[in-house]
């Protein structure tokens, strides 16, 4: 079984090589193995963004209660909401900061 650091490297490498579907698959495993570590959730939601799976990214952010926990998650949440044309919720997310 690969260790978490090695799996993170592979996910980041997959994103860097535009292998987004591979990154989604592996990042999902990484989040499960790390029990929802914020950095790993961020990698997964980034991969979802690259594959235009904005609602799935939102679901993961909310499921792990990270949607507005830090500026990077707030931005990602707002970006997902904007891509889904959820303008009121997007503005509310940005106003909460």
PDB file of N, CA and C in Angstrom:
ATOM      1  N   UNK A   1       0.857  -1.177   0.000  1.00  0.00           N
ATOM      2  CA  UNK A   1       0.000   0.000   0.000  1.00  0.00           C
ATOM      3  C   UNK A   1       0.905   1.242   0.000  1.00  0.00           C
ATOM      4  N   UNK A   2       0.643   2.189  -0.908  1.00  0.00           N
ATOM      5  CA  UNK A   2       1.500   3.379  -0.953  1.00  0.00           C
ATOM      6  C   UNK A   2       1.266   4.257   0.274  1.00  0.00           C
ATOM      7  N   UNK A   3       2.345   4.930   0.715  1.00  0.00           N
ATOM      8  CA  UNK A   3       2.152   5.831   1.840  1.00  0.00           C
ATOM      9  C   UNK A   3       1.490   7.123   1.348  1.00  0.00           C
ATOM     10  N   UNK A   4       0.960   7.897   2.290  1.00  0.00           N
ATOM     11  CA  UNK A   4       0.178   9.080   1.934  1.00  0.00           C
ATOM     12  C   UNK A   4       1.006  10.122   1.198  1.00  0.00           C
ATOM     13  N   UNK A   5       2.253  10.320   1.609  1.00  0.00           N
ATOM     14  CA  UNK A   5       3.100  11.319   0.955  1.00  0.00           C
ATOM     15  C   UNK A   5       3.328  10.958  -0.511  1.00  0.00           C
ATOM     16  N   UNK A   6       3.546   9.680  -0.766  1.00  0.00           N
ATOM     17  CA  UNK A   6       3.762   9.239  -2.144  1.00  0.00           C
ATOM     18  C   UNK A   6       2.485   9.394  -2.976  1.00  0.00           C
ATOM     19  N   UNK A   7       1.356   9.066  -2.381  1.00  0.00           N
ATOM     20  CA  UNK A   7       0.079   9.209  -3.084  1.00  0.00           C
ATOM     21  C   UNK A   7      -0.213  10.681  -3.384  1.00  0.00           C
ATOM     22  N   UNK A   8       0.090  11.583  -2.426  1.00  0.00           N
ATOM     23  CA  UNK A   8      -0.070  13.027  -2.667  1.00  0.00           C
ATOM     24  C   UNK A   8       0.788  13.468  -3.850  1.00  0.00           C
ATOM     25  N   UNK A   9       2.017  12.972  -3.882  1.00  0.00           N
ATOM     26  CA  UNK A   9       2.915  13.313  -4.981  1.00  0.00           C
ATOM     27  C   UNK A   9       2.326  12.870  -6.321  1.00  0.00           C
ATOM     28  N   UNK A  10       1.783  11.676  -6.363  1.00  0.00           N
ATOM     29  CA  UNK A  10       1.204  11.160  -7.609  1.00  0.00           C
ATOM     30  C   UNK A  10      -0.004  12.000  -8.026  1.00  0.00           C
ATOM     31  N   UNK A  11      -0.847  12.392  -7.073  1.00  0.00           N
ATOM     32  CA  UNK A  11      -2.013  13.232  -7.391  1.00  0.00           C
ATOM     33  C   UNK A  11      -1.548  14.574  -7.944  1.00  0.00           C
ATOM     34  N   UNK A  12      -0.592  15.210  -7.264  1.00  0.00           N
ATOM     35  CA  UNK A  12      -0.082  16.502  -7.726  1.00  0.00           C
ATOM     36  C   UNK A  12       0.570  16.373  -9.097  1.00  0.00           C
ATOM     37  N   UNK A  13       1.298  15.284  -9.303  1.00  0.00           N
ATOM     38  CA  UNK A  13       1.936  15.035 -10.593  1.00  0.00           C
ATOM     39  C   UNK A  13       0.887  14.827 -11.685  1.00  0.00           C
ATOM     40  N   UNK A  14      -0.180  14.123 -11.365  1.00  0.00           N
ATOM     41  CA  UNK A  14      -1.262  13.903 -12.335  1.00  0.00           C
ATOM     42  C   UNK A  14      -1.911  15.225 -12.728  1.00  0.00           C
ATOM     43  N   UNK A  15      -2.147  16.092 -11.745  1.00  0.00           N
ATOM     44  CA  UNK A  15      -2.715  17.412 -12.049  1.00  0.00           C
ATOM     45  C   UNK A  15      -1.748  18.200 -12.922  1.00  0.00           C
ATOM     46  N   UNK A  16      -0.469  18.153 -12.579  1.00  0.00           N
ATOM     47  CA  UNK A  16       0.540  18.865 -13.360  1.00  0.00           C
ATOM     48  C   UNK A  16       0.655  18.374 -14.792  1.00  0.00           C
ATOM     49  N   UNK A  17       0.336  17.120 -15.016  1.00  0.00           N
ATOM     50  CA  UNK A  17       0.410  16.531 -16.359  1.00  0.00           C
ATOM     51  C   UNK A  17      -0.946  16.513 -17.055  1.00  0.00           C
ATOM     52  N   UNK A  18      -1.919  17.229 -16.485  1.00  0.00           N
ATOM     53  CA  UNK A  18      -3.273  17.340 -17.052  1.00  0.00           C
ATOM     54  C   UNK A  18      -3.983  15.991 -17.140  1.00  0.00           C
ATOM     55  N   UNK A  19      -3.659  15.114 -16.238  1.00  0.00           N
ATOM     56  CA  UNK A  19      -4.324  13.808 -16.152  1.00  0.00           C
ATOM     57  C   UNK A  19      -5.372  13.909 -15.044  1.00  0.00           C
ATOM     58  N   UNK A  20      -6.397  14.718 -15.293  1.00  0.00           N
ATOM     59  CA  UNK A  20      -7.339  15.104 -14.250  1.00  0.00           C
ATOM     60  C   UNK A  20      -8.217  13.958 -13.766  1.00  0.00           C
ATOM     61  N   UNK A  21      -8.646  13.089 -14.655  1.00  0.00           N
ATOM     62  CA  UNK A  21      -9.472  11.949 -14.229  1.00  0.00           C
ATOM     63  C   UNK A  21      -8.675  11.030 -13.305  1.00  0.00           C
ATOM     64  N   UNK A  22      -7.417  10.828 -13.639  1.00  0.00           N
ATOM     65  CA  UNK A  22      -6.540  10.039 -12.782  1.00  0.00           C
ATOM     66  C   UNK A  22      -6.386  10.719 -11.422  1.00  0.00           C
ATOM     67  N   UNK A  23      -6.227  12.036 -11.438  1.00  0.00           N
ATOM     68  CA  UNK A  23      -6.089  12.797 -10.194  1.00  0.00           C
ATOM     69  C   UNK A  23      -7.343  12.679  -9.334  1.00  0.00           C
ATOM     70  N   UNK A  24      -8.519  12.738  -9.957  1.00  0.00           N
ATOM     71  CA  UNK A  24      -9.770  12.596  -9.203  1.00  0.00           C
ATOM     72  C   UNK A  24      -9.819  11.225  -8.531  1.00  0.00           C
ATOM     73  N   UNK A  25      -9.527  10.190  -9.284  1.00  0.00           N
ATOM     74  CA  UNK A  25      -9.579   8.831  -8.742  1.00  0.00           C
ATOM     75  C   UNK A  25      -8.641   8.671  -7.551  1.00  0.00           C
ATOM     76  N   UNK A  26      -7.394   9.089  -7.743  1.00  0.00           N
ATOM     77  CA  UNK A  26      -6.401   8.907  -6.686  1.00  0.00           C
ATOM     78  C   UNK A  26      -6.630   9.845  -5.505  1.00  0.00           C
ATOM     79  N   UNK A  27      -7.065  11.073  -5.782  1.00  0.00           N
ATOM     80  CA  UNK A  27      -7.325  12.019  -4.691  1.00  0.00           C
ATOM     81  C   UNK A  27      -8.487  11.544  -3.831  1.00  0.00           C
ATOM     82  N   UNK A  28      -9.468  10.907  -4.443  1.00  0.00           N
ATOM     83  CA  UNK A  28     -10.574  10.349  -3.668  1.00  0.00           C
ATOM     84  C   UNK A  28     -10.058   9.283  -2.700  1.00  0.00           C
ATOM     85  N   UNK A  29      -9.168   8.443  -3.170  1.00  0.00           N
ATOM     86  CA  UNK A  29      -8.568   7.423  -2.299  1.00  0.00           C
ATOM     87  C   UNK A  29      -7.748   8.090  -1.197  1.00  0.00           C
ATOM     88  N   UNK A  30      -7.027   9.137  -1.568  1.00  0.00           N
ATOM     89  CA  UNK A  30      -6.189   9.858  -0.613  1.00  0.00           C
ATOM     90  C   UNK A  30      -7.023  10.468   0.509  1.00  0.00           C
ATOM     91  N   UNK A  31      -8.141  11.088   0.162  1.00  0.00           N
ATOM     92  CA  UNK A  31      -9.018  11.687   1.177  1.00  0.00           C
ATOM     93  C   UNK A  31      -9.544  10.611   2.122  1.00  0.00           C
ATOM     94  N   UNK A  32      -9.887   9.470   1.577  1.00  0.00           N
ATOM     95  CA  UNK A  32     -10.366   8.372   2.420  1.00  0.00           C
ATOM     96  C   UNK A  32      -9.266   7.878   3.357  1.00  0.00           C
ATOM     97  N   UNK A  33      -8.082   7.684   2.811  1.00  0.00           N
ATOM     98  CA  UNK A  33      -6.975   7.167   3.614  1.00  0.00           C
ATOM     99  C   UNK A  33      -6.521   8.156   4.684  1.00  0.00           C
ATOM    100  N   UNK A  34      -6.589   9.447   4.391  1.00  0.00           N
ATOM    101  CA  UNK A  34      -6.130  10.461   5.352  1.00  0.00           C
ATOM    102  C   UNK A  34      -7.245  10.916   6.282  1.00  0.00           C
ATOM    103  N   UNK A  35      -8.417  10.314   6.107  1.00  0.00           N
ATOM    104  CA  UNK A  35      -9.599  10.656   6.915  1.00  0.00           C
ATOM    105  C   UNK A  35      -9.970  12.128   6.776  1.00  0.00           C
ATOM    106  N   UNK A  36      -9.883  12.625   5.552  1.00  0.00           N
ATOM    107  CA  UNK A  36     -10.356  13.978   5.263  1.00  0.00           C
ATOM    108  C   UNK A  36      -9.405  15.088   5.642  1.00  0.00           C
ATOM    109  N   UNK A  37      -8.118  14.850   5.548  1.00  0.00           N
ATOM    110  CA  UNK A  37      -7.145  15.912   5.833  1.00  0.00           C
ATOM    111  C   UNK A  37      -7.407  17.090   4.883  1.00  0.00           C
ATOM    112  N   UNK A  38      -7.428  18.320   5.409  1.00  0.00           N
ATOM    113  CA  UNK A  38      -7.777  19.478   4.574  1.00  0.00           C
ATOM    114  C   UNK A  38      -6.951  19.619   3.294  1.00  0.00           C
ATOM    115  N   UNK A  39      -5.650  19.378   3.358  1.00  0.00           N
ATOM    116  CA  UNK A  39      -4.831  19.495   2.147  1.00  0.00           C
ATOM    117  C   UNK A  39      -5.244  18.471   1.095  1.00  0.00           C
ATOM    118  N   UNK A  40      -5.646  17.301   1.532  1.00  0.00           N
ATOM    119  CA  UNK A  40      -6.068  16.256   0.603  1.00  0.00           C
ATOM    120  C   UNK A  40      -7.447  16.559   0.027  1.00  0.00           C
ATOM    121  N   UNK A  41      -8.331  17.097   0.853  1.00  0.00           N
ATOM    122  CA  UNK A  41      -9.643  17.525   0.358  1.00  0.00           C
ATOM    123  C   UNK A  41      -9.455  18.629  -0.677  1.00  0.00           C
ATOM    124  N   UNK A  42      -8.515  19.516  -0.440  1.00  0.00           N
ATOM    125  CA  UNK A  42      -8.238  20.591  -1.398  1.00  0.00           C
ATOM    126  C   UNK A  42      -7.780  20.010  -2.739  1.00  0.00           C
ATOM    127  N   UNK A  43      -6.889  19.037  -2.702  1.00  0.00           N
ATOM    128  CA  UNK A  43      -6.442  18.395  -3.946  1.00  0.00           C
ATOM    129  C   UNK A  43      -7.610  17.760  -4.693  1.00  0.00           C
ATOM    130  N   UNK A  44      -8.476  17.071  -3.966  1.00  0.00           N
ATOM    131  CA  UNK A  44      -9.627  16.428  -4.600  1.00  0.00           C
ATOM    132  C   UNK A  44     -10.549  17.465  -5.233  1.00  0.00           C
ATOM    133  N   UNK A  45     -10.846  18.527  -4.500  1.00  0.00           N
ATOM    134  CA  UNK A  45     -11.763  19.528  -5.053  1.00  0.00           C
ATOM    135  C   UNK A  45     -11.133  20.270  -6.221  1.00  0.00           C
ATOM    136  N   UNK A  46      -9.832  20.466  -6.194  1.00  0.00           N
ATOM    137  CA  UNK A  46      -9.155  21.047  -7.358  1.00  0.00           C
ATOM    138  C   UNK A  46      -9.313  20.134  -8.571  1.00  0.00           C
ATOM    139  N   UNK A  47      -9.113  18.848  -8.372  1.00  0.00           N
ATOM    140  CA  UNK A  47      -9.258  17.899  -9.478  1.00  0.00           C
ATOM    141  C   UNK A  47     -10.689  17.906 -10.007  1.00  0.00           C
ATOM    142  N   UNK A  48     -11.673  17.993  -9.106  1.00  0.00           N
ATOM    143  CA  UNK A  48     -13.061  18.107  -9.551  1.00  0.00           C
ATOM    144  C   UNK A  48     -13.260  19.374 -10.378  1.00  0.00           C
ATOM    145  N   UNK A  49     -12.642  20.462  -9.968  1.00  0.00           N
ATOM    146  CA  UNK A  49     -12.773  21.715 -10.726  1.00  0.00           C
ATOM    147  C   UNK A  49     -12.214  21.551 -12.146  1.00  0.00           C
ATOM    148  N   UNK A  50     -11.054  20.917 -12.246  1.00  0.00           N
ATOM    149  CA  UNK A  50     -10.436  20.731 -13.557  1.00  0.00           C
ATOM    150  C   UNK A  50     -11.273  19.840 -14.471  1.00  0.00           C
ATOM    151  N   UNK A  51     -12.067  18.948 -13.891  1.00  0.00           N
ATOM    152  CA  UNK A  51     -12.933  18.076 -14.691  1.00  0.00           C
ATOM    153  C   UNK A  51     -14.357  18.615 -14.773  1.00  0.00           C
ATOM    154  N   UNK A  52     -14.544  19.848 -14.354  1.00  0.00           N
ATOM    155  CA  UNK A  52     -15.819  20.563 -14.423  1.00  0.00           C
ATOM    156  C   UNK A  52     -16.925  19.861 -13.627  1.00  0.00           C
ATOM    157  N   UNK A  53     -16.544  19.251 -12.528  1.00  0.00           N
ATOM    158  CA  UNK A  53     -17.493  18.592 -11.629  1.00  0.00           C
ATOM    159  C   UNK A  53     -17.697  19.490 -10.405  1.00  0.00           C
ATOM    160  N   UNK A  54     -18.253  20.665 -10.658  1.00  0.00           N
ATOM    161  CA  UNK A  54     -18.356  21.696  -9.631  1.00  0.00           C
ATOM    162  C   UNK A  54     -19.283  21.303  -8.484  1.00  0.00           C
ATOM    163  N   UNK A  55     -20.366  20.654  -8.797  1.00  0.00           N
ATOM    164  CA  UNK A  55     -21.291  20.254  -7.729  1.00  0.00           C
ATOM    165  C   UNK A  55     -20.678  19.176  -6.830  1.00  0.00           C
ATOM    166  N   UNK A  56     -19.915  18.294  -7.406  1.00  0.00           N
ATOM    167  CA  UNK A  56     -19.228  17.286  -6.586  1.00  0.00           C
ATOM    168  C   UNK A  56     -18.195  17.949  -5.682  1.00  0.00           C
ATOM    169  N   UNK A  57     -17.498  18.941  -6.217  1.00  0.00           N
ATOM    170  CA  UNK A  57     -16.523  19.674  -5.402  1.00  0.00           C
ATOM    171  C   UNK A  57     -17.218  20.365  -4.233  1.00  0.00           C
ATOM    172  N   UNK A  58     -18.350  21.006  -4.510  1.00  0.00           N
ATOM    173  CA  UNK A  58     -19.117  21.659  -3.446  1.00  0.00           C
ATOM    174  C   UNK A  58     -19.561  20.656  -2.391  1.00  0.00           C
ATOM    175  N   UNK A  59     -20.026  19.510  -2.852  1.00  0.00           N
ATOM    176  CA  UNK A  59     -20.481  18.476  -1.913  1.00  0.00           C
ATOM    177  C   UNK A  59     -19.346  18.057  -0.977  1.00  0.00           C
ATOM    178  N   UNK A  60     -18.175  17.845  -1.525  1.00  0.00           N
ATOM    179  CA  UNK A  60     -17.033  17.417  -0.714  1.00  0.00           C
ATOM    180  C   UNK A  60     -16.634  18.516   0.271  1.00  0.00           C
ATOM    181  N   UNK A  61     -16.601  19.755  -0.200  1.00  0.00           N
ATOM    182  CA  UNK A  61     -16.246  20.866   0.690  1.00  0.00           C
ATOM    183  C   UNK A  61     -17.223  20.974   1.855  1.00  0.00           C
ATOM    184  N   UNK A  62     -18.490  20.827   1.558  1.00  0.00           N
ATOM    185  CA  UNK A  62     -19.509  20.922   2.609  1.00  0.00           C
ATOM    186  C   UNK A  62     -19.493  19.701   3.522  1.00  0.00           C
ATOM    187  N   UNK A  63     -19.298  18.541   2.940  1.00  0.00           N
ATOM    188  CA  UNK A  63     -19.270  17.300   3.718  1.00  0.00           C
ATOM    189  C   UNK A  63     -18.167  17.342   4.777  1.00  0.00           C
ATOM    190  N   UNK A  64     -17.037  17.927   4.426  1.00  0.00           N
ATOM    191  CA  UNK A  64     -15.902  18.001   5.347  1.00  0.00           C
ATOM    192  C   UNK A  64     -15.875  19.310   6.134  1.00  0.00           C
ATOM    193  N   UNK A  65     -16.931  20.100   5.977  1.00  0.00           N
ATOM    194  CA  UNK A  65     -17.076  21.382   6.692  1.00  0.00           C
ATOM    195  C   UNK A  65     -15.875  22.300   6.469  1.00  0.00           C
ATOM    196  N   UNK A  66     -15.444  22.390   5.207  1.00  0.00           N
ATOM    197  CA  UNK A  66     -14.293  23.215   4.867  1.00  0.00           C
ATOM    198  C   UNK A  66     -14.647  24.371   3.940  1.00  0.00           C
ATOM    199  N   UNK A  67     -15.910  24.519   3.585  1.00  0.00           N
ATOM    200  CA  UNK A  67     -16.318  25.473   2.550  1.00  0.00           C
ATOM    201  C   UNK A  67     -15.834  26.892   2.811  1.00  0.00           C
ATOM    202  N   UNK A  68     -15.823  27.315   4.059  1.00  0.00           N
ATOM    203  CA  UNK A  68     -15.365  28.674   4.370  1.00  0.00           C
ATOM    204  C   UNK A  68     -14.357  28.670   5.514  1.00  0.00           C
ATOM    205  N   UNK A  69     -13.610  27.590   5.662  1.00  0.00           N
ATOM    206  CA  UNK A  69     -12.689  27.452   6.790  1.00  0.00           C
ATOM    207  C   UNK A  69     -11.400  28.251   6.633  1.00  0.00           C
ATOM    208  N   UNK A  70     -11.040  28.595   5.401  1.00  0.00           N
ATOM    209  CA  UNK A  70      -9.835  29.382   5.138  1.00  0.00           C
ATOM    210  C   UNK A  70     -10.023  30.088   3.798  1.00  0.00           C
ATOM    211  N   UNK A  71      -9.193  31.090   3.509  1.00  0.00           N
ATOM    212  CA  UNK A  71      -9.360  31.811   2.235  1.00  0.00           C
ATOM    213  C   UNK A  71      -9.308  30.911   0.997  1.00  0.00           C
ATOM    214  N   UNK A  72      -8.428  29.911   0.997  1.00  0.00           N
ATOM    215  CA  UNK A  72      -8.340  29.063  -0.203  1.00  0.00           C
ATOM    216  C   UNK A  72      -9.610  28.243  -0.406  1.00  0.00           C
ATOM    217  N   UNK A  73     -10.220  27.768   0.687  1.00  0.00           N
ATOM    218  CA  UNK A  73     -11.461  27.012   0.562  1.00  0.00           C
ATOM    219  C   UNK A  73     -12.636  27.928   0.234  1.00  0.00           C
ATOM    220  N   UNK A  74     -12.633  29.130   0.790  1.00  0.00           N
ATOM    221  CA  UNK A  74     -13.693  30.093   0.474  1.00  0.00           C
ATOM    222  C   UNK A  74     -13.657  30.436  -1.007  1.00  0.00           C
ATOM    223  N   UNK A  75     -12.461  30.685  -1.547  1.00  0.00           N
ATOM    224  CA  UNK A  75     -12.327  30.994  -2.970  1.00  0.00           C
ATOM    225  C   UNK A  75     -12.814  29.823  -3.816  1.00  0.00           C
ATOM    226  N   UNK A  76     -12.400  28.623  -3.464  1.00  0.00           N
ATOM    227  CA  UNK A  76     -12.802  27.438  -4.227  1.00  0.00           C
ATOM    228  C   UNK A  76     -14.311  27.241  -4.175  1.00  0.00           C
ATOM    229  N   UNK A  77     -14.903  27.455  -3.009  1.00  0.00           N
ATOM    230  CA  UNK A  77     -16.355  27.344  -2.862  1.00  0.00           C
ATOM    231  C   UNK A  77     -17.055  28.380  -3.730  1.00  0.00           C
ATOM    232  N   UNK A  78     -16.587  29.624  -3.671  1.00  0.00           N
ATOM    233  CA  UNK A  78     -17.191  30.692  -4.475  1.00  0.00           C
ATOM    234  C   UNK A  78     -17.028  30.412  -5.964  1.00  0.00           C
ATOM    235  N   UNK A  79     -15.888  29.907  -6.358  1.00  0.00           N
ATOM    236  CA  UNK A  79     -15.644  29.575  -7.769  1.00  0.00           C
ATOM    237  C   UNK A  79     -16.607  28.480  -8.237  1.00  0.00           C
ATOM    238  N   UNK A  80     -16.798  27.459  -7.423  1.00  0.00           N
ATOM    239  CA  UNK A  80     -17.744  26.387  -7.763  1.00  0.00           C
ATOM    240  C   UNK A  80     -19.158  26.939  -7.897  1.00  0.00           C
ATOM    241  N   UNK A  81     -19.555  27.769  -6.942  1.00  0.00           N
ATOM    242  CA  UNK A  81     -20.900  28.347  -6.979  1.00  0.00           C
ATOM    243  C   UNK A  81     -21.084  29.225  -8.211  1.00  0.00           C
ATOM    244  N   UNK A  82     -20.062  29.982  -8.572  1.00  0.00           N
ATOM    245  CA  UNK A  82     -20.144  30.826  -9.768  1.00  0.00           C
ATOM    246  C   UNK A  82     -20.276  29.965 -11.025  1.00  0.00           C
ATOM    247  N   UNK A  83     -19.518  28.881 -11.090  1.00  0.00           N
ATOM    248  CA  UNK A  83     -19.604  27.988 -12.251  1.00  0.00           C
ATOM    249  C   UNK A  83     -20.978  27.330 -12.350  1.00  0.00           C
ATOM    250  N   UNK A  84     -21.639  27.150 -11.203  1.00  0.00           N
ATOM    251  CA  UNK A  84     -22.997  26.588 -11.178  1.00  0.00           C
ATOM    252  C   UNK A  84     -24.062  27.674 -11.315  1.00  0.00           C
ATOM    253  N   UNK A  85     -23.621  28.901 -11.478  1.00  0.00           N
ATOM    254  CA  UNK A  85     -24.493  30.073 -11.603  1.00  0.00           C
ATOM    255  C   UNK A  85     -25.395  30.247 -10.385  1.00  0.00           C
ATOM    256  N   UNK A  86     -24.874  29.915  -9.228  1.00  0.00           N
ATOM    257  CA  UNK A  86     -25.555  30.131  -7.951  1.00  0.00           C
ATOM    258  C   UNK A  86     -25.052  31.463  -7.392  1.00  0.00           C
ATOM    259  N   UNK A  87     -25.466  32.549  -8.036  1.00  0.00           N
ATOM    260  CA  UNK A  87     -24.891  33.867  -7.766  1.00  0.00           C
ATOM    261  C   UNK A  87     -25.145  34.361  -6.350  1.00  0.00           C
ATOM    262  N   UNK A  88     -26.354  34.217  -5.855  1.00  0.00           N
ATOM    263  CA  UNK A  88     -26.669  34.710  -4.508  1.00  0.00           C
ATOM    264  C   UNK A  88     -25.843  33.990  -3.445  1.00  0.00           C
ATOM    265  N   UNK A  89     -25.755  32.687  -3.588  1.00  0.00           N
ATOM    266  CA  UNK A  89     -24.977  31.913  -2.624  1.00  0.00           C
ATOM    267  C   UNK A  89     -23.484  32.218  -2.751  1.00  0.00           C
ATOM    268  N   UNK A  90     -23.036  32.455  -3.974  1.00  0.00           N
ATOM    269  CA  UNK A  90     -21.638  32.825  -4.207  1.00  0.00           C
ATOM    270  C   UNK A  90     -21.312  34.135  -3.490  1.00  0.00           C
ATOM    271  N   UNK A  91     -22.169  35.127  -3.672  1.00  0.00           N
ATOM    272  CA  UNK A  91     -21.953  36.417  -3.011  1.00  0.00           C
ATOM    273  C   UNK A  91     -22.024  36.286  -1.496  1.00  0.00           C
ATOM    274  N   UNK A  92     -22.943  35.483  -1.006  1.00  0.00           N
ATOM    275  CA  UNK A  92     -23.056  35.272   0.438  1.00  0.00           C
ATOM    276  C   UNK A  92     -21.792  34.616   0.992  1.00  0.00           C
ATOM    277  N   UNK A  93     -21.233  33.693   0.242  1.00  0.00           N
ATOM    278  CA  UNK A  93     -19.996  33.034   0.665  1.00  0.00           C
ATOM    279  C   UNK A  93     -18.863  34.041   0.766  1.00  0.00           C
ATOM    280  N   UNK A  94     -18.774  34.920  -0.215  1.00  0.00           N
ATOM    281  CA  UNK A  94     -17.709  35.920  -0.207  1.00  0.00           C
ATOM    282  C   UNK A  94     -17.945  36.990   0.849  1.00  0.00           C
ATOM    283  N   UNK A  95     -19.199  37.295   1.141  1.00  0.00           N
ATOM    284  CA  UNK A  95     -19.517  38.291   2.166  1.00  0.00           C
ATOM    285  C   UNK A  95     -19.197  37.795   3.564  1.00  0.00           C
ATOM    286  N   UNK A  96     -19.212  36.486   3.754  1.00  0.00           N
ATOM    287  CA  UNK A  96     -18.956  35.916   5.078  1.00  0.00           C
ATOM    288  C   UNK A  96     -17.500  36.041   5.500  1.00  0.00           C
ATOM    289  N   UNK A  97     -16.632  36.393   4.573  1.00  0.00           N
ATOM    290  CA  UNK A  97     -15.199  36.456   4.910  1.00  0.00           C
ATOM    291  C   UNK A  97     -14.814  37.773   5.504  1.00  0.00           C
TER     292      UNK A  97
END
